[in-house]
């Protein structure tokens, strides 16, 4: 299974972010099965198809990071 993560900064390795009061989600590494949705996440969430969260370091260990891609 391939999952995608969208961000407004380059992600060089998956990691669990600590919660921020400015954000509406809890700690975790959020992913989606939909590449277009991940691209949208880099700006703002427009339409939510699906979301998978890796909320612990143990869960995150199951991800094999393949690459980081910066979109212009």
PDB file of N, CA and C in Angstrom:
ATOM      1  N   UNK A   1       0.839  -1.168   0.000  1.00  0.00           N
ATOM      2  CA  UNK A   1       0.000   0.000   0.000  1.00  0.00           C
ATOM      3  C   UNK A   1       0.888   1.235   0.000  1.00  0.00           C
ATOM      4  N   UNK A   2       0.546   2.184  -0.810  1.00  0.00           N
ATOM      5  CA  UNK A   2       1.269   3.456  -0.847  1.00  0.00           C
ATOM      6  C   UNK A   2       0.395   4.510  -0.180  1.00  0.00           C
ATOM      7  N   UNK A   3       0.991   5.232   0.755  1.00  0.00           N
ATOM      8  CA  UNK A   3       0.296   6.344   1.402  1.00  0.00           C
ATOM      9  C   UNK A   3       1.076   7.620   1.127  1.00  0.00           C
ATOM     10  N   UNK A   4       0.373   8.733   1.146  1.00  0.00           N
ATOM     11  CA  UNK A   4       0.970  10.035   0.842  1.00  0.00           C
ATOM     12  C   UNK A   4       0.762  10.980   2.027  1.00  0.00           C
ATOM     13  N   UNK A   5       1.701  11.899   2.180  1.00  0.00           N
ATOM     14  CA  UNK A   5       1.616  12.914   3.234  1.00  0.00           C
ATOM     15  C   UNK A   5       1.845  14.266   2.574  1.00  0.00           C
ATOM     16  N   UNK A   6       0.955  15.203   2.796  1.00  0.00           N
ATOM     17  CA  UNK A   6       1.112  16.540   2.234  1.00  0.00           C
ATOM     18  C   UNK A   6       1.484  17.532   3.309  1.00  0.00           C
ATOM     19  N   UNK A   7       2.401  18.436   2.974  1.00  0.00           N
ATOM     20  CA  UNK A   7       2.863  19.431   3.938  1.00  0.00           C
ATOM     21  C   UNK A   7       3.298  20.686   3.201  1.00  0.00           C
ATOM     22  N   UNK A   8       3.319  21.809   3.913  1.00  0.00           N
ATOM     23  CA  UNK A   8       3.813  23.042   3.305  1.00  0.00           C
ATOM     24  C   UNK A   8       5.330  23.191   3.490  1.00  0.00           C
ATOM     25  N   UNK A   9       5.966  22.179   4.083  1.00  0.00           N
ATOM     26  CA  UNK A   9       7.430  22.117   4.194  1.00  0.00           C
ATOM     27  C   UNK A   9       7.877  20.722   3.754  1.00  0.00           C
ATOM     28  N   UNK A  10       9.117  20.609   3.284  1.00  0.00           N
ATOM     29  CA  UNK A  10       9.617  19.309   2.853  1.00  0.00           C
ATOM     30  C   UNK A  10       9.750  18.367   4.048  1.00  0.00           C
ATOM     31  N   UNK A  11       9.251  17.168   3.888  1.00  0.00           N
ATOM     32  CA  UNK A  11       9.343  16.139   4.923  1.00  0.00           C
ATOM     33  C   UNK A  11      10.423  15.161   4.488  1.00  0.00           C
ATOM     34  N   UNK A  12      11.518  15.120   5.234  1.00  0.00           N
ATOM     35  CA  UNK A  12      12.633  14.246   4.864  1.00  0.00           C
ATOM     36  C   UNK A  12      12.528  12.876   5.511  1.00  0.00           C
ATOM     37  N   UNK A  13      11.704  12.763   6.538  1.00  0.00           N
ATOM     38  CA  UNK A  13      11.423  11.473   7.172  1.00  0.00           C
ATOM     39  C   UNK A  13      10.138  11.618   7.981  1.00  0.00           C
ATOM     40  N   UNK A  14       9.343  10.567   8.034  1.00  0.00           N
ATOM     41  CA  UNK A  14       8.099  10.641   8.810  1.00  0.00           C
ATOM     42  C   UNK A  14       8.399  10.794  10.299  1.00  0.00           C
ATOM     43  N   UNK A  15       7.641  11.653  10.955  1.00  0.00           N
ATOM     44  CA  UNK A  15       7.768  11.789  12.404  1.00  0.00           C
ATOM     45  C   UNK A  15       6.450  12.278  12.964  1.00  0.00           C
ATOM     46  N   UNK A  16       6.223  11.949  14.207  1.00  0.00           N
ATOM     47  CA  UNK A  16       4.996  12.347  14.880  1.00  0.00           C
ATOM     48  C   UNK A  16       5.165  13.760  15.420  1.00  0.00           C
ATOM     49  N   UNK A  17       4.277  14.633  15.014  1.00  0.00           N
ATOM     50  CA  UNK A  17       4.320  16.008  15.483  1.00  0.00           C
ATOM     51  C   UNK A  17       3.545  16.137  16.781  1.00  0.00           C
ATOM     52  N   UNK A  18       4.040  17.001  17.649  1.00  0.00           N
ATOM     53  CA  UNK A  18       3.331  17.281  18.894  1.00  0.00           C
ATOM     54  C   UNK A  18       2.124  18.150  18.562  1.00  0.00           C
ATOM     55  N   UNK A  19       1.052  18.002  19.338  1.00  0.00           N
ATOM     56  CA  UNK A  19      -0.151  18.787  19.046  1.00  0.00           C
ATOM     57  C   UNK A  19       0.089  20.279  19.205  1.00  0.00           C
ATOM     58  N   UNK A  20      -0.604  21.030  18.410  1.00  0.00           N
ATOM     59  CA  UNK A  20      -0.533  22.490  18.473  1.00  0.00           C
ATOM     60  C   UNK A  20      -1.955  23.015  18.675  1.00  0.00           C
ATOM     61  N   UNK A  21      -2.095  24.009  19.504  1.00  0.00           N
ATOM     62  CA  UNK A  21      -3.425  24.584  19.729  1.00  0.00           C
ATOM     63  C   UNK A  21      -3.941  25.276  18.475  1.00  0.00           C
ATOM     64  N   UNK A  22      -3.034  25.634  17.562  1.00  0.00           N
ATOM     65  CA  UNK A  22      -3.447  26.299  16.327  1.00  0.00           C
ATOM     66  C   UNK A  22      -3.993  25.300  15.302  1.00  0.00           C
ATOM     67  N   UNK A  23      -3.753  24.015  15.530  1.00  0.00           N
ATOM     68  CA  UNK A  23      -4.192  22.993  14.583  1.00  0.00           C
ATOM     69  C   UNK A  23      -5.392  22.241  15.136  1.00  0.00           C
ATOM     70  N   UNK A  24      -6.165  21.653  14.244  1.00  0.00           N
ATOM     71  CA  UNK A  24      -7.385  20.978  14.674  1.00  0.00           C
ATOM     72  C   UNK A  24      -7.242  19.465  14.756  1.00  0.00           C
ATOM     73  N   UNK A  25      -6.034  18.961  14.809  1.00  0.00           N
ATOM     74  CA  UNK A  25      -5.836  17.516  14.892  1.00  0.00           C
ATOM     75  C   UNK A  25      -4.838  17.195  15.989  1.00  0.00           C
ATOM     76  N   UNK A  26      -4.829  15.937  16.414  1.00  0.00           N
ATOM     77  CA  UNK A  26      -3.956  15.507  17.493  1.00  0.00           C
ATOM     78  C   UNK A  26      -2.594  15.062  16.994  1.00  0.00           C
ATOM     79  N   UNK A  27      -1.765  14.532  17.892  1.00  0.00           N
ATOM     80  CA  UNK A  27      -0.426  14.106  17.509  1.00  0.00           C
ATOM     81  C   UNK A  27      -0.479  12.924  16.541  1.00  0.00           C
ATOM     82  N   UNK A  28       0.453  12.886  15.607  1.00  0.00           N
ATOM     83  CA  UNK A  28       0.517  11.778  14.665  1.00  0.00           C
ATOM     84  C   UNK A  28       1.125  12.192  13.347  1.00  0.00           C
ATOM     85  N   UNK A  29       1.324  11.218  12.493  1.00  0.00           N
ATOM     86  CA  UNK A  29       1.787  11.449  11.129  1.00  0.00           C
ATOM     87  C   UNK A  29       0.608  11.101  10.232  1.00  0.00           C
ATOM     88  N   UNK A  30       0.018  12.114   9.630  1.00  0.00           N
ATOM     89  CA  UNK A  30      -1.212  11.949   8.865  1.00  0.00           C
ATOM     90  C   UNK A  30      -0.905  11.656   7.403  1.00  0.00           C
ATOM     91  N   UNK A  31      -1.616  10.682   6.859  1.00  0.00           N
ATOM     92  CA  UNK A  31      -1.414  10.264   5.481  1.00  0.00           C
ATOM     93  C   UNK A  31      -2.765  10.049   4.810  1.00  0.00           C
ATOM     94  N   UNK A  32      -2.717   9.818   3.514  1.00  0.00           N
ATOM     95  CA  UNK A  32      -3.901   9.503   2.735  1.00  0.00           C
ATOM     96  C   UNK A  32      -3.518   8.531   1.626  1.00  0.00           C
ATOM     97  N   UNK A  33      -4.484   7.823   1.123  1.00  0.00           N
ATOM     98  CA  UNK A  33      -4.264   6.934  -0.016  1.00  0.00           C
ATOM     99  C   UNK A  33      -4.363   7.697  -1.336  1.00  0.00           C
ATOM    100  N   UNK A  34      -4.827   8.937  -1.273  1.00  0.00           N
ATOM    101  CA  UNK A  34      -5.088   9.740  -2.462  1.00  0.00           C
ATOM    102  C   UNK A  34      -4.002  10.800  -2.645  1.00  0.00           C
ATOM    103  N   UNK A  35      -3.203  10.672  -3.702  1.00  0.00           N
ATOM    104  CA  UNK A  35      -2.094  11.611  -3.944  1.00  0.00           C
ATOM    105  C   UNK A  35      -2.599  13.045  -4.118  1.00  0.00           C
ATOM    106  N   UNK A  36      -3.698  13.217  -4.860  1.00  0.00           N
ATOM    107  CA  UNK A  36      -4.240  14.562  -5.071  1.00  0.00           C
ATOM    108  C   UNK A  36      -4.638  15.215  -3.751  1.00  0.00           C
ATOM    109  N   UNK A  37      -5.179  14.422  -2.843  1.00  0.00           N
ATOM    110  CA  UNK A  37      -5.537  14.957  -1.532  1.00  0.00           C
ATOM    111  C   UNK A  37      -4.284  15.409  -0.784  1.00  0.00           C
ATOM    112  N   UNK A  38      -3.200  14.638  -0.870  1.00  0.00           N
ATOM    113  CA  UNK A  38      -1.951  15.019  -0.207  1.00  0.00           C
ATOM    114  C   UNK A  38      -1.426  16.335  -0.771  1.00  0.00           C
ATOM    115  N   UNK A  39      -1.538  16.514  -2.071  1.00  0.00           N
ATOM    116  CA  UNK A  39      -1.117  17.772  -2.696  1.00  0.00           C
ATOM    117  C   UNK A  39      -1.972  18.915  -2.153  1.00  0.00           C
ATOM    118  N   UNK A  40      -3.278  18.682  -2.022  1.00  0.00           N
ATOM    119  CA  UNK A  40      -4.158  19.705  -1.447  1.00  0.00           C
ATOM    120  C   UNK A  40      -3.773  20.025  -0.005  1.00  0.00           C
ATOM    121  N   UNK A  41      -3.363  19.003   0.769  1.00  0.00           N
ATOM    122  CA  UNK A  41      -2.959  19.210   2.162  1.00  0.00           C
ATOM    123  C   UNK A  41      -1.776  20.173   2.272  1.00  0.00           C
ATOM    124  N   UNK A  42      -0.950  20.238   1.237  1.00  0.00           N
ATOM    125  CA  UNK A  42       0.209  21.133   1.268  1.00  0.00           C
ATOM    126  C   UNK A  42      -0.248  22.592   1.325  1.00  0.00           C
ATOM    127  N   UNK A  43      -1.456  22.860   0.862  1.00  0.00           N
ATOM    128  CA  UNK A  43      -2.009  24.208   0.953  1.00  0.00           C
ATOM    129  C   UNK A  43      -3.069  24.246   2.025  1.00  0.00           C
ATOM    130  N   UNK A  44      -4.241  23.765   1.694  1.00  0.00           N
ATOM    131  CA  UNK A  44      -5.328  23.687   2.666  1.00  0.00           C
ATOM    132  C   UNK A  44      -6.168  22.460   2.332  1.00  0.00           C
ATOM    133  N   UNK A  45      -6.896  21.992   3.300  1.00  0.00           N
ATOM    134  CA  UNK A  45      -7.744  20.820   3.083  1.00  0.00           C
ATOM    135  C   UNK A  45      -9.029  21.289   2.408  1.00  0.00           C
ATOM    136  N   UNK A  46      -9.218  20.852   1.164  1.00  0.00           N
ATOM    137  CA  UNK A  46     -10.399  21.236   0.409  1.00  0.00           C
ATOM    138  C   UNK A  46     -11.449  20.133   0.466  1.00  0.00           C
ATOM    139  N   UNK A  47     -11.026  18.907   0.205  1.00  0.00           N
ATOM    140  CA  UNK A  47     -11.944  17.775   0.192  1.00  0.00           C
ATOM    141  C   UNK A  47     -11.234  16.586   0.823  1.00  0.00           C
ATOM    142  N   UNK A  48     -11.869  15.977   1.783  1.00  0.00           N
ATOM    143  CA  UNK A  48     -11.260  14.870   2.504  1.00  0.00           C
ATOM    144  C   UNK A  48     -11.779  13.542   1.956  1.00  0.00           C
ATOM    145  N   UNK A  49     -10.920  12.811   1.251  1.00  0.00           N
ATOM    146  CA  UNK A  49     -11.283  11.495   0.730  1.00  0.00           C
ATOM    147  C   UNK A  49     -11.115  10.443   1.813  1.00  0.00           C
ATOM    148  N   UNK A  50      -9.908  10.358   2.355  1.00  0.00           N
ATOM    149  CA  UNK A  50      -9.628   9.435   3.449  1.00  0.00           C
ATOM    150  C   UNK A  50      -8.393   9.924   4.177  1.00  0.00           C
ATOM    151  N   UNK A  51      -8.236   9.464   5.388  1.00  0.00           N
ATOM    152  CA  UNK A  51      -7.100   9.887   6.193  1.00  0.00           C
ATOM    153  C   UNK A  51      -6.676   8.735   7.091  1.00  0.00           C
ATOM    154  N   UNK A  52      -5.388   8.447   7.079  1.00  0.00           N
ATOM    155  CA  UNK A  52      -4.806   7.415   7.933  1.00  0.00           C
ATOM    156  C   UNK A  52      -3.777   8.102   8.815  1.00  0.00           C
ATOM    157  N   UNK A  53      -3.845   7.860  10.118  1.00  0.00           N
ATOM    158  CA  UNK A  53      -2.897   8.500  11.023  1.00  0.00           C
ATOM    159  C   UNK A  53      -2.071   7.432  11.735  1.00  0.00           C
ATOM    160  N   UNK A  54      -0.779   7.667  11.793  1.00  0.00           N
ATOM    161  CA  UNK A  54       0.147   6.839  12.557  1.00  0.00           C
ATOM    162  C   UNK A  54       0.421   7.631  13.830  1.00  0.00           C
ATOM    163  N   UNK A  55      -0.164   7.200  14.948  1.00  0.00           N
ATOM    164  CA  UNK A  55      -0.172   8.007  16.162  1.00  0.00           C
ATOM    165  C   UNK A  55       0.884   7.623  17.188  1.00  0.00           C
ATOM    166  N   UNK A  56       1.620   6.536  16.959  1.00  0.00           N
ATOM    167  CA  UNK A  56       2.669   6.129  17.895  1.00  0.00           C
ATOM    168  C   UNK A  56       3.948   5.833  17.117  1.00  0.00           C
ATOM    169  N   UNK A  57       5.064   5.863  17.814  1.00  0.00           N
ATOM    170  CA  UNK A  57       6.341   5.530  17.180  1.00  0.00           C
ATOM    171  C   UNK A  57       6.331   4.082  16.676  1.00  0.00           C
ATOM    172  N   UNK A  58       5.669   3.196  17.422  1.00  0.00           N
ATOM    173  CA  UNK A  58       5.582   1.795  17.018  1.00  0.00           C
ATOM    174  C   UNK A  58       4.831   1.669  15.689  1.00  0.00           C
ATOM    175  N   UNK A  59       3.734   2.387  15.547  1.00  0.00           N
ATOM    176  CA  UNK A  59       2.977   2.369  14.290  1.00  0.00           C
ATOM    177  C   UNK A  59       3.784   2.981  13.161  1.00  0.00           C
ATOM    178  N   UNK A  60       4.479   4.067  13.450  1.00  0.00           N
ATOM    179  CA  UNK A  60       5.272   4.764  12.438  1.00  0.00           C
ATOM    180  C   UNK A  60       6.411   3.888  11.913  1.00  0.00           C
ATOM    181  N   UNK A  61       6.863   2.955  12.724  1.00  0.00           N
ATOM    182  CA  UNK A  61       7.949   2.051  12.309  1.00  0.00           C
ATOM    183  C   UNK A  61       7.536   1.155  11.145  1.00  0.00           C
ATOM    184  N   UNK A  62       6.245   1.041  10.887  1.00  0.00           N
ATOM    185  CA  UNK A  62       5.771   0.212   9.782  1.00  0.00           C
ATOM    186  C   UNK A  62       5.826   0.923   8.433  1.00  0.00           C
ATOM    187  N   UNK A  63       6.120   2.207   8.439  1.00  0.00           N
ATOM    188  CA  UNK A  63       6.224   2.963   7.186  1.00  0.00           C
ATOM    189  C   UNK A  63       7.631   2.815   6.622  1.00  0.00           C
ATOM    190  N   UNK A  64       7.707   2.512   5.354  1.00  0.00           N
ATOM    191  CA  UNK A  64       8.997   2.526   4.655  1.00  0.00           C
ATOM    192  C   UNK A  64       8.998   3.778   3.792  1.00  0.00           C
ATOM    193  N   UNK A  65       9.788   4.758   4.194  1.00  0.00           N
ATOM    194  CA  UNK A  65       9.836   6.040   3.503  1.00  0.00           C
ATOM    195  C   UNK A  65      10.551   5.875   2.166  1.00  0.00           C
ATOM    196  N   UNK A  66       9.917   6.295   1.100  1.00  0.00           N
ATOM    197  CA  UNK A  66      10.501   6.126  -0.241  1.00  0.00           C
ATOM    198  C   UNK A  66      11.154   7.400  -0.755  1.00  0.00           C
ATOM    199  N   UNK A  67      10.440   8.524  -0.671  1.00  0.00           N
ATOM    200  CA  UNK A  67      11.025   9.757  -1.188  1.00  0.00           C
ATOM    201  C   UNK A  67      10.229  10.960  -0.745  1.00  0.00           C
ATOM    202  N   UNK A  68      10.860  12.093  -0.893  1.00  0.00           N
ATOM    203  CA  UNK A  68      10.219  13.372  -0.657  1.00  0.00           C
ATOM    204  C   UNK A  68      10.154  14.091  -1.993  1.00  0.00           C
ATOM    205  N   UNK A  69       9.043  14.742  -2.249  1.00  0.00           N
ATOM    206  CA  UNK A  69       8.847  15.425  -3.528  1.00  0.00           C
ATOM    207  C   UNK A  69       8.331  16.831  -3.249  1.00  0.00           C
ATOM    208  N   UNK A  70       9.030  17.823  -3.770  1.00  0.00           N
ATOM    209  CA  UNK A  70       8.600  19.202  -3.600  1.00  0.00           C
ATOM    210  C   UNK A  70       7.876  19.620  -4.873  1.00  0.00           C
ATOM    211  N   UNK A  71       6.650  20.082  -4.707  1.00  0.00           N
ATOM    212  CA  UNK A  71       5.847  20.511  -5.850  1.00  0.00           C
ATOM    213  C   UNK A  71       5.838  22.020  -5.907  1.00  0.00           C
ATOM    214  N   UNK A  72       6.014  22.551  -7.076  1.00  0.00           N
ATOM    215  CA  UNK A  72       6.026  24.021  -7.225  1.00  0.00           C
ATOM    216  C   UNK A  72       4.650  24.549  -7.534  1.00  0.00           C
TER     217      UNK A  72
END
